[in-house]
Amino acid sequence: MTMRALIVLLLALNLGATAWWIWHPEPPPSAVETAASGIARLRLLNERAAASRPTRPAQPSPPTQASRPAATGPDATAQNRHCFRIGPFRDEKLLARAQTTLWSSAMRLRSRNDRVGETRGWRVYLPPAADRASAETEIGKIKAAGFADSAIVTDGAQANSIALGRFSDRARAERHAAALREAGFEARVEPLGEASTEYWIELIANDTFSANAVGRLGEGVRASAIGCASLD
């Protein structure tokens, strides 16, 4: 009986020792005593190498190039416009016909005229009267109003018109015509010489415009590209 109790006691002690070794907590690391003031702390070789190695600065990321947005709005519209000058047209009738044809191919359209050739002076006149008798009656009224320089044109396309003077300077001709109009006469000013009038169309083209097709608008008519700023 005593032997059996002793065996049981030894077995219990072994089990307790085994359990303690398995589940006992790890001892905390021993604290390193702080070195006395003025005495450097000992370092391992790998600690010294790590401390003496310079730290490499981080490389900055390369700047990201932003993509340029496509042009939109009024500026884009202005960049995509195409403008043309079309002509010359010999007379206003051909000009009006061309304007009608081109209207649907333009976002904006206008006409202009240029004087070409040499001008030797300016004449002031009244347009042709219905007949010679009417022209003579008009001459009498002009002289009665104080304008002595007047004569009836007797032949040509201007027959029965009344010549009211010739001037080398346009400004003087315009002043004389203005004085006649104030007196109640339908005075006009016209250049003398080889000068003639050319008529042109300037437009901002839309997608249906074809520069190659303008030759059908009249003999010698052509389309030339121009800047659009003058049409704004």
C-alpha atoms as a PDB file:
ATOM      1  CA  MET A   1       0.000   0.000   0.000  1.00  0.00           C
ATOM      2  CA  THR A   2       2.805   2.377   0.858  1.00  0.00           C
ATOM      3  CA  MET A   3       4.664   1.521  -2.343  1.00  0.00           C
ATOM      4  CA  ARG A   4       1.601   2.181  -4.476  1.00  0.00           C
ATOM      5  CA  ALA A   5       1.078   5.601  -2.895  1.00  0.00           C
ATOM      6  CA  LEU A   6       4.707   6.493  -3.515  1.00  0.00           C
ATOM      7  CA  ILE A   7       4.434   5.581  -7.193  1.00  0.00           C
ATOM      8  CA  VAL A   8       1.297   7.705  -7.577  1.00  0.00           C
ATOM      9  CA  LEU A   9       3.052  10.644  -5.891  1.00  0.00           C
ATOM     10  CA  LEU A  10       6.070  10.403  -8.207  1.00  0.00           C
ATOM     11  CA  LEU A  11       3.811  10.213 -11.229  1.00  0.00           C
ATOM     12  CA  ALA A  12       1.940  13.352 -10.123  1.00  0.00           C
ATOM     13  CA  LEU A  13       5.208  15.220  -9.575  1.00  0.00           C
ATOM     14  CA  ASN A  14       6.424  14.289 -13.078  1.00  0.00           C
ATOM     15  CA  LEU A  15       3.184  15.457 -14.652  1.00  0.00           C
ATOM     16  CA  GLY A  16       3.351  18.747 -12.753  1.00  0.00           C
ATOM     17  CA  ALA A  17       6.959  19.383 -13.810  1.00  0.00           C
ATOM     18  CA  THR A  18       6.134  18.603 -17.416  1.00  0.00           C
ATOM     19  CA  ALA A  19       3.157  21.001 -17.384  1.00  0.00           C
ATOM     20  CA  TRP A  20       5.277  23.774 -15.874  1.00  0.00           C
ATOM     21  CA  TRP A  21       7.931  23.492 -18.591  1.00  0.00           C
ATOM     22  CA  ILE A  22       5.284  23.606 -21.281  1.00  0.00           C
ATOM     23  CA  TRP A  23       3.144  26.474 -20.026  1.00  0.00           C
ATOM     24  CA  HIS A  24       5.449  28.634 -17.907  1.00  0.00           C
ATOM     25  CA  PRO A  25       5.901  32.321 -19.239  1.00  0.00           C
ATOM     26  CA  GLU A  26       9.135  33.361 -20.986  1.00  0.00           C
ATOM     27  CA  PRO A  27      11.389  35.374 -18.708  1.00  0.00           C
ATOM     28  CA  PRO A  28      11.708  39.065 -19.713  1.00  0.00           C
ATOM     29  CA  PRO A  29      14.980  40.039 -21.393  1.00  0.00           C
ATOM     30  CA  SER A  30      17.508  41.337 -19.001  1.00  0.00           C
ATOM     31  CA  ALA A  31      17.743  45.081 -19.067  1.00  0.00           C
ATOM     32  CA  VAL A  32      21.050  46.441 -20.255  1.00  0.00           C
ATOM     33  CA  GLU A  33      22.452  48.760 -17.731  1.00  0.00           C
ATOM     34  CA  THR A  34      22.914  52.279 -18.992  1.00  0.00           C
ATOM     35  CA  ALA A  35      26.547  53.090 -19.424  1.00  0.00           C
ATOM     36  CA  ALA A  36      27.957  55.569 -17.058  1.00  0.00           C
ATOM     37  CA  SER A  37      28.119  59.148 -18.254  1.00  0.00           C
ATOM     38  CA  GLY A  38      31.078  59.771 -20.548  1.00  0.00           C
ATOM     39  CA  ILE A  39      31.575  56.107 -21.521  1.00  0.00           C
ATOM     40  CA  ALA A  40      30.410  55.079 -24.996  1.00  0.00           C
ATOM     41  CA  ARG A  41      28.103  52.103 -25.265  1.00  0.00           C
ATOM     42  CA  LEU A  42      29.548  49.050 -26.951  1.00  0.00           C
ATOM     43  CA  ARG A  43      28.150  48.372 -30.439  1.00  0.00           C
ATOM     44  CA  LEU A  44      28.277  45.308 -32.595  1.00  0.00           C
ATOM     45  CA  LEU A  45      30.111  45.520 -35.928  1.00  0.00           C
ATOM     46  CA  ASN A  46      26.910  45.266 -37.974  1.00  0.00           C
ATOM     47  CA  GLU A  47      25.368  48.130 -35.939  1.00  0.00           C
ATOM     48  CA  ARG A  48      28.368  50.371 -36.691  1.00  0.00           C
ATOM     49  CA  ALA A  49      28.212  49.597 -40.419  1.00  0.00           C
ATOM     50  CA  ALA A  50      24.514  50.371 -40.556  1.00  0.00           C
ATOM     51  CA  ALA A  51      24.980  53.652 -38.672  1.00  0.00           C
ATOM     52  CA  SER A  52      27.888  54.836 -40.857  1.00  0.00           C
ATOM     53  CA  ARG A  53      26.159  53.993 -44.163  1.00  0.00           C
ATOM     54  CA  PRO A  54      24.658  57.241 -45.655  1.00  0.00           C
ATOM     55  CA  THR A  55      20.962  57.231 -46.209  1.00  0.00           C
ATOM     56  CA  ARG A  56      20.128  57.568 -49.931  1.00  0.00           C
ATOM     57  CA  PRO A  57      17.536  60.268 -50.497  1.00  0.00           C
ATOM     58  CA  ALA A  58      14.359  59.187 -52.180  1.00  0.00           C
ATOM     59  CA  GLN A  59      14.315  59.993 -55.885  1.00  0.00           C
ATOM     60  CA  PRO A  60      11.478  62.344 -56.815  1.00  0.00           C
ATOM     61  CA  SER A  61       8.928  60.902 -59.144  1.00  0.00           C
ATOM     62  CA  PRO A  62       9.164  62.311 -62.678  1.00  0.00           C
ATOM     63  CA  PRO A  63       6.494  64.905 -63.319  1.00  0.00           C
ATOM     64  CA  THR A  64       3.487  63.621 -65.136  1.00  0.00           C
ATOM     65  CA  GLN A  65       2.871  65.488 -68.372  1.00  0.00           C
ATOM     66  CA  ALA A  66      -0.765  66.385 -68.546  1.00  0.00           C
ATOM     67  CA  SER A  67      -2.358  65.765 -71.885  1.00  0.00           C
ATOM     68  CA  ARG A  68      -3.539  68.947 -73.609  1.00  0.00           C
ATOM     69  CA  PRO A  69      -7.293  68.948 -74.007  1.00  0.00           C
ATOM     70  CA  ALA A  70      -8.652  69.312 -77.489  1.00  0.00           C
ATOM     71  CA  ALA A  71      -9.733  72.836 -78.393  1.00  0.00           C
ATOM     72  CA  THR A  72     -13.429  73.382 -78.028  1.00  0.00           C
ATOM     73  CA  GLY A  73     -15.822  76.303 -78.013  1.00  0.00           C
ATOM     74  CA  PRO A  74     -15.483  79.576 -79.975  1.00  0.00           C
ATOM     75  CA  ASP A  75     -11.695  79.308 -80.356  1.00  0.00           C
ATOM     76  CA  ALA A  76     -11.982  75.924 -82.029  1.00  0.00           C
ATOM     77  CA  THR A  77     -14.672  77.267 -84.334  1.00  0.00           C
ATOM     78  CA  ALA A  78     -12.465  80.204 -85.290  1.00  0.00           C
ATOM     79  CA  GLN A  79      -9.531  77.893 -86.082  1.00  0.00           C
ATOM     80  CA  ASN A  80     -11.642  75.705 -88.374  1.00  0.00           C
ATOM     81  CA  ARG A  81     -13.151  78.517 -90.469  1.00  0.00           C
ATOM     82  CA  HIS A  82     -12.230  79.019 -94.126  1.00  0.00           C
ATOM     83  CA  CYS A  83     -12.843  82.356 -95.838  1.00  0.00           C
ATOM     84  CA  PHE A  84     -12.683  83.294 -99.517  1.00  0.00           C
ATOM     85  CA  ARG A  85     -12.838  86.286-101.818  1.00  0.00           C
ATOM     86  CA  ILE A  86     -14.688  85.473-105.047  1.00  0.00           C
ATOM     87  CA  GLY A  87     -14.705  87.507-108.252  1.00  0.00           C
ATOM     88  CA  PRO A  88     -14.319  89.755-110.069  1.00  0.00           C
ATOM     89  CA  PHE A  89     -17.810  90.263-111.500  1.00  0.00           C
ATOM     90  CA  ARG A  90     -18.255  92.751-114.343  1.00  0.00           C
ATOM     91  CA  ASP A  91     -21.511  94.279-113.152  1.00  0.00           C
ATOM     92  CA  GLU A  92     -24.046  94.285-110.350  1.00  0.00           C
ATOM     93  CA  LYS A  93     -26.351  91.885-112.193  1.00  0.00           C
ATOM     94  CA  LEU A  94     -23.713  89.132-112.254  1.00  0.00           C
ATOM     95  CA  LEU A  95     -22.856  89.944-108.649  1.00  0.00           C
ATOM     96  CA  ALA A  96     -26.470  89.514-107.512  1.00  0.00           C
ATOM     97  CA  ARG A  97     -26.770  86.204-109.374  1.00  0.00           C
ATOM     98  CA  ALA A  98     -23.597  84.886-107.731  1.00  0.00           C
ATOM     99  CA  GLN A  99     -24.789  85.976-104.283  1.00  0.00           C
ATOM    100  CA  THR A 100     -27.981  83.977-104.751  1.00  0.00           C
ATOM    101  CA  THR A 101     -25.978  80.902-105.791  1.00  0.00           C
ATOM    102  CA  LEU A 102     -23.439  81.121-102.959  1.00  0.00           C
ATOM    103  CA  TRP A 103     -25.812  82.015-100.138  1.00  0.00           C
ATOM    104  CA  SER A 104     -26.469  78.404 -99.130  1.00  0.00           C
ATOM    105  CA  SER A 105     -22.711  77.644 -99.033  1.00  0.00           C
ATOM    106  CA  ALA A 106     -21.776  80.463 -96.656  1.00  0.00           C
ATOM    107  CA  MET A 107     -22.086  81.107 -92.938  1.00  0.00           C
ATOM    108  CA  ARG A 108     -21.595  84.816 -93.650  1.00  0.00           C
ATOM    109  CA  LEU A 109     -21.459  86.700 -96.963  1.00  0.00           C
ATOM    110  CA  ARG A 110     -20.936  90.283 -98.092  1.00  0.00           C
ATOM    111  CA  SER A 111     -20.122  92.136-101.320  1.00  0.00           C
ATOM    112  CA  ARG A 112     -17.671  94.931-102.112  1.00  0.00           C
ATOM    113  CA  ASN A 113     -16.507  96.864-105.166  1.00  0.00           C
ATOM    114  CA  ASP A 114     -13.106  98.197-106.219  1.00  0.00           C
ATOM    115  CA  ARG A 115     -12.132 100.863-108.707  1.00  0.00           C
ATOM    116  CA  VAL A 116      -9.439  99.631-111.075  1.00  0.00           C
ATOM    117  CA  GLY A 117      -7.537 101.413-113.827  1.00  0.00           C
ATOM    118  CA  GLU A 118      -6.483 105.041-114.203  1.00  0.00           C
ATOM    119  CA  THR A 119      -8.773 107.913-113.229  1.00  0.00           C
ATOM    120  CA  ARG A 120      -8.101 111.253-114.987  1.00  0.00           C
ATOM    121  CA  GLY A 121     -10.674 113.298-113.118  1.00  0.00           C
ATOM    122  CA  TRP A 122     -14.270 113.507-111.964  1.00  0.00           C
ATOM    123  CA  ARG A 123     -17.376 114.888-113.615  1.00  0.00           C
ATOM    124  CA  VAL A 124     -20.607 116.149-112.100  1.00  0.00           C
ATOM    125  CA  TYR A 125     -23.775 115.561-114.143  1.00  0.00           C
ATOM    126  CA  LEU A 126     -27.518 115.025-114.164  1.00  0.00           C
ATOM    127  CA  PRO A 127     -28.810 111.715-115.581  1.00  0.00           C
ATOM    128  CA  PRO A 128     -30.374 111.760-119.083  1.00  0.00           C
ATOM    129  CA  ALA A 129     -33.742 113.505-119.409  1.00  0.00           C
ATOM    130  CA  ALA A 130     -36.644 111.980-121.343  1.00  0.00           C
ATOM    131  CA  ASP A 131     -35.909 114.129-124.407  1.00  0.00           C
ATOM    132  CA  ARG A 132     -34.054 117.223-125.614  1.00  0.00           C
ATOM    133  CA  ALA A 133     -36.841 119.609-124.627  1.00  0.00           C
ATOM    134  CA  SER A 134     -36.870 118.285-121.053  1.00  0.00           C
ATOM    135  CA  ALA A 135     -33.082 118.665-120.853  1.00  0.00           C
ATOM    136  CA  GLU A 136     -33.294 122.307-122.035  1.00  0.00           C
ATOM    137  CA  THR A 137     -35.963 123.032-119.421  1.00  0.00           C
ATOM    138  CA  GLU A 138     -33.690 121.589-116.729  1.00  0.00           C
ATOM    139  CA  ILE A 139     -30.767 123.707-117.986  1.00  0.00           C
ATOM    140  CA  GLY A 140     -32.900 126.845-117.536  1.00  0.00           C
ATOM    141  CA  LYS A 141     -33.654 125.903-113.919  1.00  0.00           C
ATOM    142  CA  ILE A 142     -29.980 125.217-113.176  1.00  0.00           C
ATOM    143  CA  LYS A 143     -28.864 128.611-114.518  1.00  0.00           C
ATOM    144  CA  ALA A 144     -31.664 130.341-112.631  1.00  0.00           C
ATOM    145  CA  ALA A 145     -30.332 128.734-109.438  1.00  0.00           C
ATOM    146  CA  GLY A 146     -26.920 130.330-110.055  1.00  0.00           C
ATOM    147  CA  PHE A 147     -24.992 127.431-111.625  1.00  0.00           C
ATOM    148  CA  ALA A 148     -23.615 128.739-114.915  1.00  0.00           C
ATOM    149  CA  ASP A 149     -21.368 125.793-115.865  1.00  0.00           C
ATOM    150  CA  SER A 150     -23.830 123.411-117.543  1.00  0.00           C
ATOM    151  CA  ALA A 151     -24.303 121.818-120.970  1.00  0.00           C
ATOM    152  CA  ILE A 152     -26.497 119.191-122.624  1.00  0.00           C
ATOM    153  CA  VAL A 153     -24.791 116.002-123.877  1.00  0.00           C
ATOM    154  CA  THR A 154     -26.027 115.506-127.439  1.00  0.00           C
ATOM    155  CA  ASP A 155     -24.997 111.937-128.346  1.00  0.00           C
ATOM    156  CA  GLY A 156     -23.931 108.546-127.051  1.00  0.00           C
ATOM    157  CA  ALA A 157     -25.297 106.555-124.150  1.00  0.00           C
ATOM    158  CA  GLN A 158     -25.488 109.750-122.076  1.00  0.00           C
ATOM    159  CA  ALA A 159     -27.485 111.776-124.637  1.00  0.00           C
ATOM    160  CA  ASN A 160     -29.753 114.419-123.014  1.00  0.00           C
ATOM    161  CA  SER A 161     -27.826 114.230-119.747  1.00  0.00           C
ATOM    162  CA  ILE A 162     -26.507 117.532-118.388  1.00  0.00           C
ATOM    163  CA  ALA A 163     -22.800 118.065-117.743  1.00  0.00           C
ATOM    164  CA  LEU A 164     -22.209 120.279-114.708  1.00  0.00           C
ATOM    165  CA  GLY A 165     -18.418 120.498-114.595  1.00  0.00           C
ATOM    166  CA  ARG A 166     -15.160 118.512-114.493  1.00  0.00           C
ATOM    167  CA  PHE A 167     -12.761 118.390-111.564  1.00  0.00           C
ATOM    168  CA  SER A 168      -9.293 116.937-111.021  1.00  0.00           C
ATOM    169  CA  ASP A 169     -10.016 116.412-107.325  1.00  0.00           C
ATOM    170  CA  ARG A 170     -12.861 114.209-106.149  1.00  0.00           C
ATOM    171  CA  ALA A 171     -13.490 116.255-103.007  1.00  0.00           C
ATOM    172  CA  ARG A 172     -14.211 119.385-105.076  1.00  0.00           C
ATOM    173  CA  ALA A 173     -16.527 117.397-107.346  1.00  0.00           C
ATOM    174  CA  GLU A 174     -18.427 116.048-104.335  1.00  0.00           C
ATOM    175  CA  ARG A 175     -18.814 119.546-102.855  1.00  0.00           C
ATOM    176  CA  HIS A 176     -20.191 120.888-106.155  1.00  0.00           C
ATOM    177  CA  ALA A 177     -22.645 117.989-106.439  1.00  0.00           C
ATOM    178  CA  ALA A 178     -23.759 118.525-102.833  1.00  0.00           C
ATOM    179  CA  ALA A 179     -24.509 122.199-103.562  1.00  0.00           C
ATOM    180  CA  LEU A 180     -26.599 121.203-106.602  1.00  0.00           C
ATOM    181  CA  ARG A 181     -28.525 118.640-104.556  1.00  0.00           C
ATOM    182  CA  GLU A 182     -29.277 121.262-101.919  1.00  0.00           C
ATOM    183  CA  ALA A 183     -30.752 123.386-104.720  1.00  0.00           C
ATOM    184  CA  GLY A 184     -33.044 120.502-105.708  1.00  0.00           C
ATOM    185  CA  PHE A 185     -31.124 118.874-108.577  1.00  0.00           C
ATOM    186  CA  GLU A 186     -30.245 115.159-108.788  1.00  0.00           C
ATOM    187  CA  ALA A 187     -26.507 115.706-109.266  1.00  0.00           C
ATOM    188  CA  ARG A 188     -24.128 112.740-109.467  1.00  0.00           C
ATOM    189  CA  VAL A 189     -20.338 112.273-109.477  1.00  0.00           C
ATOM    190  CA  GLU A 190     -18.538 109.900-111.857  1.00  0.00           C
ATOM    191  CA  PRO A 191     -14.824 109.221-112.514  1.00  0.00           C
ATOM    192  CA  LEU A 192     -13.302 110.009-115.906  1.00  0.00           C
ATOM    193  CA  GLY A 193     -10.758 107.839-117.705  1.00  0.00           C
ATOM    194  CA  GLU A 194     -10.109 104.126-118.090  1.00  0.00           C
ATOM    195  CA  ALA A 195     -11.125 103.243-114.535  1.00  0.00           C
ATOM    196  CA  SER A 196     -13.834 100.648-114.057  1.00  0.00           C
ATOM    197  CA  THR A 197     -15.574  98.933-111.168  1.00  0.00           C
ATOM    198  CA  GLU A 198     -14.983  95.330-110.150  1.00  0.00           C
ATOM    199  CA  TYR A 199     -17.432  93.564-107.842  1.00  0.00           C
ATOM    200  CA  TRP A 200     -16.405  90.910-105.326  1.00  0.00           C
ATOM    201  CA  ILE A 201     -18.001  88.555-102.804  1.00  0.00           C
ATOM    202  CA  GLU A 202     -16.335  87.743 -99.475  1.00  0.00           C
ATOM    203  CA  LEU A 203     -17.670  84.854 -97.409  1.00  0.00           C
ATOM    204  CA  ILE A 204     -17.093  82.437 -94.541  1.00  0.00           C
ATOM    205  CA  ALA A 205     -17.591  79.031 -96.151  1.00  0.00           C
ATOM    206  CA  ASN A 206     -19.560  76.153 -94.685  1.00  0.00           C
ATOM    207  CA  ASP A 207     -19.056  72.444 -95.406  1.00  0.00           C
ATOM    208  CA  THR A 208     -20.936  72.568 -98.729  1.00  0.00           C
ATOM    209  CA  PHE A 209     -18.702  75.225-100.321  1.00  0.00           C
ATOM    210  CA  SER A 210     -16.441  74.173-103.217  1.00  0.00           C
ATOM    211  CA  ALA A 211     -13.773  76.611-104.386  1.00  0.00           C
ATOM    212  CA  ASN A 212     -13.401  74.647-107.626  1.00  0.00           C
ATOM    213  CA  ALA A 213     -17.016  75.338-108.600  1.00  0.00           C
ATOM    214  CA  VAL A 214     -16.886  79.151-108.576  1.00  0.00           C
ATOM    215  CA  GLY A 215     -15.600  79.262-112.160  1.00  0.00           C
ATOM    216  CA  ARG A 216     -19.162  78.561-113.299  1.00  0.00           C
ATOM    217  CA  LEU A 217     -20.300  81.896-111.816  1.00  0.00           C
ATOM    218  CA  GLY A 218     -18.778  83.927-114.655  1.00  0.00           C
ATOM    219  CA  GLU A 219     -15.818  84.352-116.960  1.00  0.00           C
ATOM    220  CA  GLY A 220     -12.597  84.986-115.057  1.00  0.00           C
ATOM    221  CA  VAL A 221     -14.235  84.443-111.660  1.00  0.00           C
ATOM    222  CA  ARG A 222     -11.942  82.787-109.112  1.00  0.00           C
ATOM    223  CA  ALA A 223     -11.832  82.065-105.372  1.00  0.00           C
ATOM    224  CA  SER A 224      -8.879  83.228-103.257  1.00  0.00           C
ATOM    225  CA  ALA A 225      -8.364  82.347 -99.586  1.00  0.00           C
ATOM    226  CA  ILE A 226      -8.381  85.354 -97.230  1.00  0.00           C
ATOM    227  CA  GLY A 227      -8.213  85.904 -93.484  1.00  0.00           C
ATOM    228  CA  CYS A 228     -11.497  85.664 -91.605  1.00  0.00           C
ATOM    229  CA  ALA A 229     -10.844  88.545 -89.181  1.00  0.00           C
ATOM    230  CA  SER A 230     -12.184  91.140 -91.631  1.00  0.00           C
ATOM    231  CA  LEU A 231     -15.508  89.271 -91.831  1.00  0.00           C
ATOM    232  CA  ASP A 232     -16.173  89.180 -88.061  1.00  0.00           C
END
